[in-house]
Amino acid sequence: MSMYNPPHPGEFVRQVYMEPFGITGRTLAAKLGVSPSTLNRLLQGNSGVSPEMALRLSKTLGRSPESWLSMQDSYNLWQVKRTVNLDTVERIEFDVA
């Protein structure tokens, strides 16, 4: 079952970790070991969670790296489903002997 309009992981980080606990972008970037501009691109939704960033987020904030990647995949799939026209795509029927 797919989620309805899942949040971008950057939005999730802001709403669940940064805002409630008063964590600044510079502080989080330092803890993650990335530049503030790299973190800002993620927080603004201009870049996604890479496998490397998933490992960093996992160590710094918790959750498994797989959950961070899954969150990114869910967001990406939702966005693509809204824009891709599959009318010209046909299914292949496989004969199973």
PDB file of N, CA and C in Angstrom:
ATOM      1  N   MET A   1       0.852  -1.180   0.000  1.00  0.00           N
ATOM      2  CA  MET A   1       0.000   0.000   0.000  1.00  0.00           C
ATOM      3  C   MET A   1       0.893   1.237   0.000  1.00  0.00           C
ATOM      4  N   SER A   2       0.679   2.140  -0.945  1.00  0.00           N
ATOM      5  CA  SER A   2       1.526   3.320  -1.021  1.00  0.00           C
ATOM      6  C   SER A   2       0.957   4.454  -0.164  1.00  0.00           C
ATOM      7  N   MET A   3       1.866   5.249   0.336  1.00  0.00           N
ATOM      8  CA  MET A   3       1.498   6.370   1.166  1.00  0.00           C
ATOM      9  C   MET A   3       0.977   7.503   0.286  1.00  0.00           C
ATOM     10  N   TYR A   4       0.046   8.271   0.788  1.00  0.00           N
ATOM     11  CA  TYR A   4      -0.465   9.415   0.078  1.00  0.00           C
ATOM     12  C   TYR A   4       0.447  10.611   0.315  1.00  0.00           C
ATOM     13  N   ASN A   5       1.013  11.139  -0.742  1.00  0.00           N
ATOM     14  CA  ASN A   5       1.863  12.316  -0.708  1.00  0.00           C
ATOM     15  C   ASN A   5       2.896  12.271   0.432  1.00  0.00           C
ATOM     16  N   PRO A   6       3.823  11.338   0.378  1.00  0.00           N
ATOM     17  CA  PRO A   6       4.813  11.227   1.446  1.00  0.00           C
ATOM     18  C   PRO A   6       5.730  12.448   1.481  1.00  0.00           C
ATOM     19  N   PRO A   7       6.212  12.825   2.649  1.00  0.00           N
ATOM     20  CA  PRO A   7       7.082  13.994   2.741  1.00  0.00           C
ATOM     21  C   PRO A   7       8.464  13.699   2.172  1.00  0.00           C
ATOM     22  N   HIS A   8       9.114  14.744   1.693  1.00  0.00           N
ATOM     23  CA  HIS A   8      10.519  14.631   1.312  1.00  0.00           C
ATOM     24  C   HIS A   8      11.301  14.386   2.610  1.00  0.00           C
ATOM     25  N   PRO A   9      12.345  13.559   2.563  1.00  0.00           N
ATOM     26  CA  PRO A   9      13.122  13.304   3.784  1.00  0.00           C
ATOM     27  C   PRO A   9      13.647  14.576   4.445  1.00  0.00           C
ATOM     28  N   GLY A  10      13.979  15.584   3.661  1.00  0.00           N
ATOM     29  CA  GLY A  10      14.448  16.846   4.237  1.00  0.00           C
ATOM     30  C   GLY A  10      13.372  17.521   5.073  1.00  0.00           C
ATOM     31  N   GLU A  11      12.143  17.481   4.586  1.00  0.00           N
ATOM     32  CA  GLU A  11      11.015  18.032   5.341  1.00  0.00           C
ATOM     33  C   GLU A  11      10.821  17.250   6.638  1.00  0.00           C
ATOM     34  N   PHE A  12      10.945  15.931   6.546  1.00  0.00           N
ATOM     35  CA  PHE A  12      10.816  15.069   7.718  1.00  0.00           C
ATOM     36  C   PHE A  12      11.882  15.420   8.758  1.00  0.00           C
ATOM     37  N   VAL A  13      13.117  15.584   8.321  1.00  0.00           N
ATOM     38  CA  VAL A  13      14.214  15.934   9.242  1.00  0.00           C
ATOM     39  C   VAL A  13      13.900  17.257   9.938  1.00  0.00           C
ATOM     40  N   ARG A  14      13.457  18.239   9.174  1.00  0.00           N
ATOM     41  CA  ARG A  14      13.133  19.548   9.766  1.00  0.00           C
ATOM     42  C   ARG A  14      12.025  19.434  10.801  1.00  0.00           C
ATOM     43  N   GLN A  15      10.919  18.763  10.425  1.00  0.00           N
ATOM     44  CA  GLN A  15       9.736  18.734  11.284  1.00  0.00           C
ATOM     45  C   GLN A  15       9.877  17.824  12.495  1.00  0.00           C
ATOM     46  N   VAL A  16      10.589  16.705  12.342  1.00  0.00           N
ATOM     47  CA  VAL A  16      10.650  15.713  13.422  1.00  0.00           C
ATOM     48  C   VAL A  16      11.859  15.919  14.338  1.00  0.00           C
ATOM     49  N   TYR A  17      12.957  16.377  13.777  1.00  0.00           N
ATOM     50  CA  TYR A  17      14.181  16.481  14.569  1.00  0.00           C
ATOM     51  C   TYR A  17      14.623  17.912  14.846  1.00  0.00           C
ATOM     52  N   MET A  18      14.648  18.743  13.839  1.00  0.00           N
ATOM     53  CA  MET A  18      15.228  20.068  14.017  1.00  0.00           C
ATOM     54  C   MET A  18      14.315  21.031  14.774  1.00  0.00           C
ATOM     55  N   GLU A  19      13.110  21.220  14.275  1.00  0.00           N
ATOM     56  CA  GLU A  19      12.210  22.198  14.891  1.00  0.00           C
ATOM     57  C   GLU A  19      11.850  21.855  16.337  1.00  0.00           C
ATOM     58  N   PRO A  20      11.435  20.619  16.641  1.00  0.00           N
ATOM     59  CA  PRO A  20      11.046  20.320  18.025  1.00  0.00           C
ATOM     60  C   PRO A  20      12.203  20.423  19.023  1.00  0.00           C
ATOM     61  N   PHE A  21      13.414  20.155  18.569  1.00  0.00           N
ATOM     62  CA  PHE A  21      14.554  20.128  19.484  1.00  0.00           C
ATOM     63  C   PHE A  21      15.479  21.337  19.330  1.00  0.00           C
ATOM     64  N   GLY A  22      15.087  22.287  18.492  1.00  0.00           N
ATOM     65  CA  GLY A  22      15.864  23.504  18.328  1.00  0.00           C
ATOM     66  C   GLY A  22      17.252  23.276  17.741  1.00  0.00           C
ATOM     67  N   ILE A  23      17.377  22.297  16.874  1.00  0.00           N
ATOM     68  CA  ILE A  23      18.667  22.000  16.251  1.00  0.00           C
ATOM     69  C   ILE A  23      18.818  22.878  15.013  1.00  0.00           C
ATOM     70  N   THR A  24      19.932  23.591  14.926  1.00  0.00           N
ATOM     71  CA  THR A  24      20.169  24.447  13.766  1.00  0.00           C
ATOM     72  C   THR A  24      20.755  23.628  12.623  1.00  0.00           C
ATOM     73  N   GLY A  25      20.657  24.189  11.432  1.00  0.00           N
ATOM     74  CA  GLY A  25      21.227  23.539  10.262  1.00  0.00           C
ATOM     75  C   GLY A  25      22.731  23.380  10.382  1.00  0.00           C
ATOM     76  N   ARG A  26      23.396  24.394  10.897  1.00  0.00           N
ATOM     77  CA  ARG A  26      24.855  24.316  11.054  1.00  0.00           C
ATOM     78  C   ARG A  26      25.249  23.229  12.049  1.00  0.00           C
ATOM     79  N   THR A  27      24.505  23.120  13.127  1.00  0.00           N
ATOM     80  CA  THR A  27      24.791  22.081  14.123  1.00  0.00           C
ATOM     81  C   THR A  27      24.591  20.699  13.523  1.00  0.00           C
ATOM     82  N   LEU A  28      23.461  20.505  12.842  1.00  0.00           N
ATOM     83  CA  LEU A  28      23.184  19.201  12.255  1.00  0.00           C
ATOM     84  C   LEU A  28      24.205  18.867  11.171  1.00  0.00           C
ATOM     85  N   ALA A  29      24.556  19.849  10.339  1.00  0.00           N
ATOM     86  CA  ALA A  29      25.550  19.618   9.295  1.00  0.00           C
ATOM     87  C   ALA A  29      26.876  19.172   9.911  1.00  0.00           C
ATOM     88  N   ALA A  30      27.273  19.816  10.988  1.00  0.00           N
ATOM     89  CA  ALA A  30      28.530  19.445  11.653  1.00  0.00           C
ATOM     90  C   ALA A  30      28.449  18.026  12.205  1.00  0.00           C
ATOM     91  N   LYS A  31      27.336  17.664  12.806  1.00  0.00           N
ATOM     92  CA  LYS A  31      27.172  16.312  13.351  1.00  0.00           C
ATOM     93  C   LYS A  31      27.175  15.263  12.237  1.00  0.00           C
ATOM     94  N   LEU A  32      26.600  15.625  11.085  1.00  0.00           N
ATOM     95  CA  LEU A  32      26.555  14.706   9.943  1.00  0.00           C
ATOM     96  C   LEU A  32      27.900  14.625   9.223  1.00  0.00           C
ATOM     97  N   GLY A  33      28.736  15.634   9.430  1.00  0.00           N
ATOM     98  CA  GLY A  33      30.018  15.678   8.736  1.00  0.00           C
ATOM     99  C   GLY A  33      29.886  16.126   7.291  1.00  0.00           C
ATOM    100  N   VAL A  34      28.908  17.010   7.038  1.00  0.00           N
ATOM    101  CA  VAL A  34      28.706  17.552   5.695  1.00  0.00           C
ATOM    102  C   VAL A  34      28.696  19.074   5.789  1.00  0.00           C
ATOM    103  N   SER A  35      28.816  19.723   4.646  1.00  0.00           N
ATOM    104  CA  SER A  35      28.777  21.186   4.644  1.00  0.00           C
ATOM    105  C   SER A  35      27.344  21.659   4.887  1.00  0.00           C
ATOM    106  N   PRO A  36      27.197  22.858   5.464  1.00  0.00           N
ATOM    107  CA  PRO A  36      25.847  23.402   5.642  1.00  0.00           C
ATOM    108  C   PRO A  36      25.075  23.506   4.327  1.00  0.00           C
ATOM    109  N   SER A  37      25.774  23.802   3.223  1.00  0.00           N
ATOM    110  CA  SER A  37      25.070  23.918   1.939  1.00  0.00           C
ATOM    111  C   SER A  37      24.547  22.554   1.470  1.00  0.00           C
ATOM    112  N   THR A  38      25.301  21.498   1.726  1.00  0.00           N
ATOM    113  CA  THR A  38      24.839  20.145   1.376  1.00  0.00           C
ATOM    114  C   THR A  38      23.581  19.808   2.159  1.00  0.00           C
ATOM    115  N   LEU A  39      23.583  20.073   3.459  1.00  0.00           N
ATOM    116  CA  LEU A  39      22.407  19.801   4.276  1.00  0.00           C
ATOM    117  C   LEU A  39      21.246  20.674   3.834  1.00  0.00           C
ATOM    118  N   ASN A  40      21.505  21.943   3.544  1.00  0.00           N
ATOM    119  CA  ASN A  40      20.441  22.849   3.139  1.00  0.00           C
ATOM    120  C   ASN A  40      19.740  22.369   1.868  1.00  0.00           C
ATOM    121  N   ARG A  41      20.508  21.833   0.911  1.00  0.00           N
ATOM    122  CA  ARG A  41      19.883  21.298  -0.312  1.00  0.00           C
ATOM    123  C   ARG A  41      18.931  20.153   0.027  1.00  0.00           C
ATOM    124  N   LEU A  42      19.317  19.317   0.979  1.00  0.00           N
ATOM    125  CA  LEU A  42      18.436  18.224   1.404  1.00  0.00           C
ATOM    126  C   LEU A  42      17.200  18.783   2.110  1.00  0.00           C
ATOM    127  N   LEU A  43      17.411  19.704   3.031  1.00  0.00           N
ATOM    128  CA  LEU A  43      16.294  20.262   3.802  1.00  0.00           C
ATOM    129  C   LEU A  43      15.297  21.004   2.924  1.00  0.00           C
ATOM    130  N   GLN A  44      15.777  21.616   1.846  1.00  0.00           N
ATOM    131  CA  GLN A  44      14.902  22.349   0.931  1.00  0.00           C
ATOM    132  C   GLN A  44      14.263  21.452  -0.122  1.00  0.00           C
ATOM    133  N   GLY A  45      14.641  20.170  -0.138  1.00  0.00           N
ATOM    134  CA  GLY A  45      14.078  19.246  -1.115  1.00  0.00           C
ATOM    135  C   GLY A  45      14.729  19.350  -2.476  1.00  0.00           C
ATOM    136  N   ASN A  46      15.883  20.009  -2.556  1.00  0.00           N
ATOM    137  CA  ASN A  46      16.585  20.161  -3.827  1.00  0.00           C
ATOM    138  C   ASN A  46      17.536  19.011  -4.113  1.00  0.00           C
ATOM    139  N   SER A  47      17.789  18.183  -3.137  1.00  0.00           N
ATOM    140  CA  SER A  47      18.561  16.958  -3.349  1.00  0.00           C
ATOM    141  C   SER A  47      17.939  15.868  -2.496  1.00  0.00           C
ATOM    142  N   GLY A  48      18.236  14.649  -2.864  1.00  0.00           N
ATOM    143  CA  GLY A  48      17.656  13.518  -2.163  1.00  0.00           C
ATOM    144  C   GLY A  48      18.657  12.844  -1.245  1.00  0.00           C
ATOM    145  N   VAL A  49      18.169  11.838  -0.552  1.00  0.00           N
ATOM    146  CA  VAL A  49      19.011  11.053   0.349  1.00  0.00           C
ATOM    147  C   VAL A  49      19.759  10.009  -0.475  1.00  0.00           C
ATOM    148  N   SER A  50      21.066  10.128  -0.504  1.00  0.00           N
ATOM    149  CA  SER A  50      21.925   9.142  -1.164  1.00  0.00           C
ATOM    150  C   SER A  50      22.222   8.028  -0.161  1.00  0.00           C
ATOM    151  N   PRO A  51      22.772   6.916  -0.610  1.00  0.00           N
ATOM    152  CA  PRO A  51      23.167   5.877   0.344  1.00  0.00           C
ATOM    153  C   PRO A  51      24.135   6.398   1.401  1.00  0.00           C
ATOM    154  N   GLU A  52      25.071   7.257   0.986  1.00  0.00           N
ATOM    155  CA  GLU A  52      26.018   7.825   1.964  1.00  0.00           C
ATOM    156  C   GLU A  52      25.302   8.695   2.988  1.00  0.00           C
ATOM    157  N   MET A  53      24.393   9.553   2.514  1.00  0.00           N
ATOM    158  CA  MET A  53      23.650  10.410   3.440  1.00  0.00           C
ATOM    159  C   MET A  53      22.755   9.571   4.337  1.00  0.00           C
ATOM    160  N   ALA A  54      22.210   8.475   3.818  1.00  0.00           N
ATOM    161  CA  ALA A  54      21.381   7.587   4.644  1.00  0.00           C
ATOM    162  C   ALA A  54      22.195   7.030   5.807  1.00  0.00           C
ATOM    163  N   LEU A  55      23.440   6.658   5.548  1.00  0.00           N
ATOM    164  CA  LEU A  55      24.306   6.171   6.628  1.00  0.00           C
ATOM    165  C   LEU A  55      24.572   7.269   7.650  1.00  0.00           C
ATOM    166  N   ARG A  56      24.824   8.482   7.163  1.00  0.00           N
ATOM    167  CA  ARG A  56      25.099   9.604   8.063  1.00  0.00           C
ATOM    168  C   ARG A  56      23.868   9.949   8.905  1.00  0.00           C
ATOM    169  N   LEU A  57      22.704  10.008   8.268  1.00  0.00           N
ATOM    170  CA  LEU A  57      21.470  10.300   8.996  1.00  0.00           C
ATOM    171  C   LEU A  57      21.178   9.220  10.029  1.00  0.00           C
ATOM    172  N   SER A  58      21.417   7.977   9.651  1.00  0.00           N
ATOM    173  CA  SER A  58      21.165   6.867  10.557  1.00  0.00           C
ATOM    174  C   SER A  58      22.014   6.985  11.817  1.00  0.00           C
ATOM    175  N   LYS A  59      23.293   7.259  11.631  1.00  0.00           N
ATOM    176  CA  LYS A  59      24.188   7.362  12.791  1.00  0.00           C
ATOM    177  C   LYS A  59      23.854   8.581  13.644  1.00  0.00           C
ATOM    178  N   THR A  60      23.502   9.696  13.015  1.00  0.00           N
ATOM    179  CA  THR A  60      23.283  10.943  13.732  1.00  0.00           C
ATOM    180  C   THR A  60      21.893  11.045  14.350  1.00  0.00           C
ATOM    181  N   LEU A  61      20.871  10.663  13.597  1.00  0.00           N
ATOM    182  CA  LEU A  61      19.493  10.856  14.062  1.00  0.00           C
ATOM    183  C   LEU A  61      18.789   9.568  14.469  1.00  0.00           C
ATOM    184  N   GLY A  62      19.321   8.436  14.054  1.00  0.00           N
ATOM    185  CA  GLY A  62      18.645   7.175  14.325  1.00  0.00           C
ATOM    186  C   GLY A  62      17.912   6.693  13.089  1.00  0.00           C
ATOM    187  N   ARG A  63      17.109   5.673  13.237  1.00  0.00           N
ATOM    188  CA  ARG A  63      16.432   4.990  12.132  1.00  0.00           C
ATOM    189  C   ARG A  63      17.476   4.265  11.322  1.00  0.00           C
ATOM    190  N   SER A  64      17.065   3.280  10.592  1.00  0.00           N
ATOM    191  CA  SER A  64      18.020   2.513   9.795  1.00  0.00           C
ATOM    192  C   SER A  64      18.330   3.258   8.497  1.00  0.00           C
ATOM    193  N   PRO A  65      19.497   2.991   7.909  1.00  0.00           N
ATOM    194  CA  PRO A  65      19.782   3.593   6.605  1.00  0.00           C
ATOM    195  C   PRO A  65      18.727   3.194   5.574  1.00  0.00           C
ATOM    196  N   GLU A  66      18.254   1.968   5.675  1.00  0.00           N
ATOM    197  CA  GLU A  66      17.224   1.489   4.748  1.00  0.00           C
ATOM    198  C   GLU A  66      15.945   2.315   4.860  1.00  0.00           C
ATOM    199  N   SER A  67      15.596   2.734   6.072  1.00  0.00           N
ATOM    200  CA  SER A  67      14.373   3.527   6.243  1.00  0.00           C
ATOM    201  C   SER A  67      14.522   4.909   5.606  1.00  0.00           C
ATOM    202  N   TRP A  68      15.724   5.490   5.688  1.00  0.00           N
ATOM    203  CA  TRP A  68      15.961   6.789   5.040  1.00  0.00           C
ATOM    204  C   TRP A  68      15.865   6.648   3.519  1.00  0.00           C
ATOM    205  N   LEU A  69      16.449   5.582   2.976  1.00  0.00           N
ATOM    206  CA  LEU A  69      16.384   5.354   1.533  1.00  0.00           C
ATOM    207  C   LEU A  69      14.955   5.037   1.090  1.00  0.00           C
ATOM    208  N   SER A  70      14.238   4.289   1.891  1.00  0.00           N
ATOM    209  CA  SER A  70      12.844   3.965   1.578  1.00  0.00           C
ATOM    210  C   SER A  70      11.981   5.227   1.562  1.00  0.00           C
ATOM    211  N   MET A  71      12.236   6.121   2.506  1.00  0.00           N
ATOM    212  CA  MET A  71      11.501   7.379   2.548  1.00  0.00           C
ATOM    213  C   MET A  71      11.752   8.182   1.265  1.00  0.00           C
ATOM    214  N   GLN A  72      13.011   8.203   0.812  1.00  0.00           N
ATOM    215  CA  GLN A  72      13.336   8.913  -0.417  1.00  0.00           C
ATOM    216  C   GLN A  72      12.668   8.243  -1.614  1.00  0.00           C
ATOM    217  N   ASP A  73      12.715   6.908  -1.663  1.00  0.00           N
ATOM    218  CA  ASP A  73      12.079   6.180  -2.766  1.00  0.00           C
ATOM    219  C   ASP A  73      10.577   6.427  -2.807  1.00  0.00           C
ATOM    220  N   SER A  74       9.923   6.423  -1.652  1.00  0.00           N
ATOM    221  CA  SER A  74       8.476   6.670  -1.599  1.00  0.00           C
ATOM    222  C   SER A  74       8.148   8.061  -2.120  1.00  0.00           C
ATOM    223  N   TYR A  75       8.938   9.044  -1.719  1.00  0.00           N
ATOM    224  CA  TYR A  75       8.734  10.404  -2.184  1.00  0.00           C
ATOM    225  C   TYR A  75       8.926  10.484  -3.703  1.00  0.00           C
ATOM    226  N   ASN A  76      10.028   9.906  -4.202  1.00  0.00           N
ATOM    227  CA  ASN A  76      10.323   9.943  -5.636  1.00  0.00           C
ATOM    228  C   ASN A  76       9.217   9.274  -6.447  1.00  0.00           C
ATOM    229  N   LEU A  77       8.773   8.102  -6.006  1.00  0.00           N
ATOM    230  CA  LEU A  77       7.741   7.373  -6.736  1.00  0.00           C
ATOM    231  C   LEU A  77       6.429   8.155  -6.770  1.00  0.00           C
ATOM    232  N   TRP A  78       6.070   8.755  -5.656  1.00  0.00           N
ATOM    233  CA  TRP A  78       4.841   9.547  -5.604  1.00  0.00           C
ATOM    234  C   TRP A  78       4.912  10.703  -6.609  1.00  0.00           C
ATOM    235  N   GLN A  79       6.055  11.392  -6.646  1.00  0.00           N
ATOM    236  CA  GLN A  79       6.216  12.516  -7.561  1.00  0.00           C
ATOM    237  C   GLN A  79       6.120  12.056  -9.018  1.00  0.00           C
ATOM    238  N   VAL A  80       6.753  10.954  -9.343  1.00  0.00           N
ATOM    239  CA  VAL A  80       6.754  10.454 -10.723  1.00  0.00           C
ATOM    240  C   VAL A  80       5.365   9.972 -11.130  1.00  0.00           C
ATOM    241  N   LYS A  81       4.659   9.316 -10.230  1.00  0.00           N
ATOM    242  CA  LYS A  81       3.306   8.834 -10.553  1.00  0.00           C
ATOM    243  C   LYS A  81       2.383   9.976 -10.955  1.00  0.00           C
ATOM    244  N   ARG A  82       2.651  11.163 -10.450  1.00  0.00           N
ATOM    245  CA  ARG A  82       1.806  12.317 -10.760  1.00  0.00           C
ATOM    246  C   ARG A  82       2.106  12.895 -12.144  1.00  0.00           C
ATOM    247  N   THR A  83       3.256  12.564 -12.719  1.00  0.00           N
ATOM    248  CA  THR A  83       3.659  13.228 -13.955  1.00  0.00           C
ATOM    249  C   THR A  83       3.859  12.306 -15.162  1.00  0.00           C
ATOM    250  N   VAL A  84       4.126  11.035 -14.935  1.00  0.00           N
ATOM    251  CA  VAL A  84       4.424  10.129 -16.047  1.00  0.00           C
ATOM    252  C   VAL A  84       3.137   9.601 -16.661  1.00  0.00           C
ATOM    253  N   ASN A  85       3.053   9.691 -17.987  1.00  0.00           N
ATOM    254  CA  ASN A  85       1.897   9.175 -18.718  1.00  0.00           C
ATOM    255  C   ASN A  85       2.231   7.760 -19.180  1.00  0.00           C
ATOM    256  N   LEU A  86       1.508   6.787 -18.693  1.00  0.00           N
ATOM    257  CA  LEU A  86       1.748   5.386 -19.041  1.00  0.00           C
ATOM    258  C   LEU A  86       0.777   4.865 -20.098  1.00  0.00           C
ATOM    259  N   ASP A  87       0.056   5.760 -20.761  1.00  0.00           N
ATOM    260  CA  ASP A  87      -0.934   5.336 -21.752  1.00  0.00           C
ATOM    261  C   ASP A  87      -0.324   4.557 -22.911  1.00  0.00           C
ATOM    262  N   THR A  88       0.908   4.832 -23.261  1.00  0.00           N
ATOM    263  CA  THR A  88       1.540   4.150 -24.391  1.00  0.00           C
ATOM    264  C   THR A  88       2.362   2.934 -23.961  1.00  0.00           C
ATOM    265  N   VAL A  89       2.376   2.640 -22.694  1.00  0.00           N
ATOM    266  CA  VAL A  89       3.132   1.499 -22.176  1.00  0.00           C
ATOM    267  C   VAL A  89       2.221   0.283 -22.175  1.00  0.00           C
ATOM    268  N   GLU A  90       2.742  -0.830 -22.687  1.00  0.00           N
ATOM    269  CA  GLU A  90       1.937  -2.047 -22.765  1.00  0.00           C
ATOM    270  C   GLU A  90       2.541  -3.148 -21.904  1.00  0.00           C
ATOM    271  N   ARG A  91       1.693  -3.951 -21.371  1.00  0.00           N
ATOM    272  CA  ARG A  91       2.124  -5.103 -20.561  1.00  0.00           C
ATOM    273  C   ARG A  91       2.463  -6.283 -21.458  1.00  0.00           C
ATOM    274  N   ILE A  92       3.487  -7.008 -21.095  1.00  0.00           N
ATOM    275  CA  ILE A  92       3.842  -8.243 -21.794  1.00  0.00           C
ATOM    276  C   ILE A  92       3.177  -9.395 -21.061  1.00  0.00           C
ATOM    277  N   GLU A  93       2.479 -10.225 -21.797  1.00  0.00           N
ATOM    278  CA  GLU A  93       1.863 -11.413 -21.217  1.00  0.00           C
ATOM    279  C   GLU A  93       2.828 -12.573 -21.368  1.00  0.00           C
ATOM    280  N   PHE A  94       3.196 -13.176 -20.299  1.00  0.00           N
ATOM    281  CA  PHE A  94       4.131 -14.288 -20.315  1.00  0.00           C
ATOM    282  C   PHE A  94       3.353 -15.613 -20.268  1.00  0.00           C
ATOM    283  N   ASP A  95       3.683 -16.491 -21.189  1.00  0.00           N
ATOM    284  CA  ASP A  95       3.065 -17.817 -21.198  1.00  0.00           C
ATOM    285  C   ASP A  95       3.879 -18.707 -20.276  1.00  0.00           C
ATOM    286  N   VAL A  96       3.235 -19.232 -19.279  1.00  0.00           N
ATOM    287  CA  VAL A  96       3.919 -20.119 -18.341  1.00  0.00           C
ATOM    288  C   VAL A  96       3.542 -21.557 -18.735  1.00  0.00           C
ATOM    289  N   ALA A  97       4.549 -22.299 -19.102  1.00  0.00           N
ATOM    290  CA  ALA A  97       4.295 -23.664 -19.587  1.00  0.00           C
ATOM    291  C   ALA A  97       4.023 -24.624 -18.464  1.00  0.00           C
TER     292      ALA A  97
END
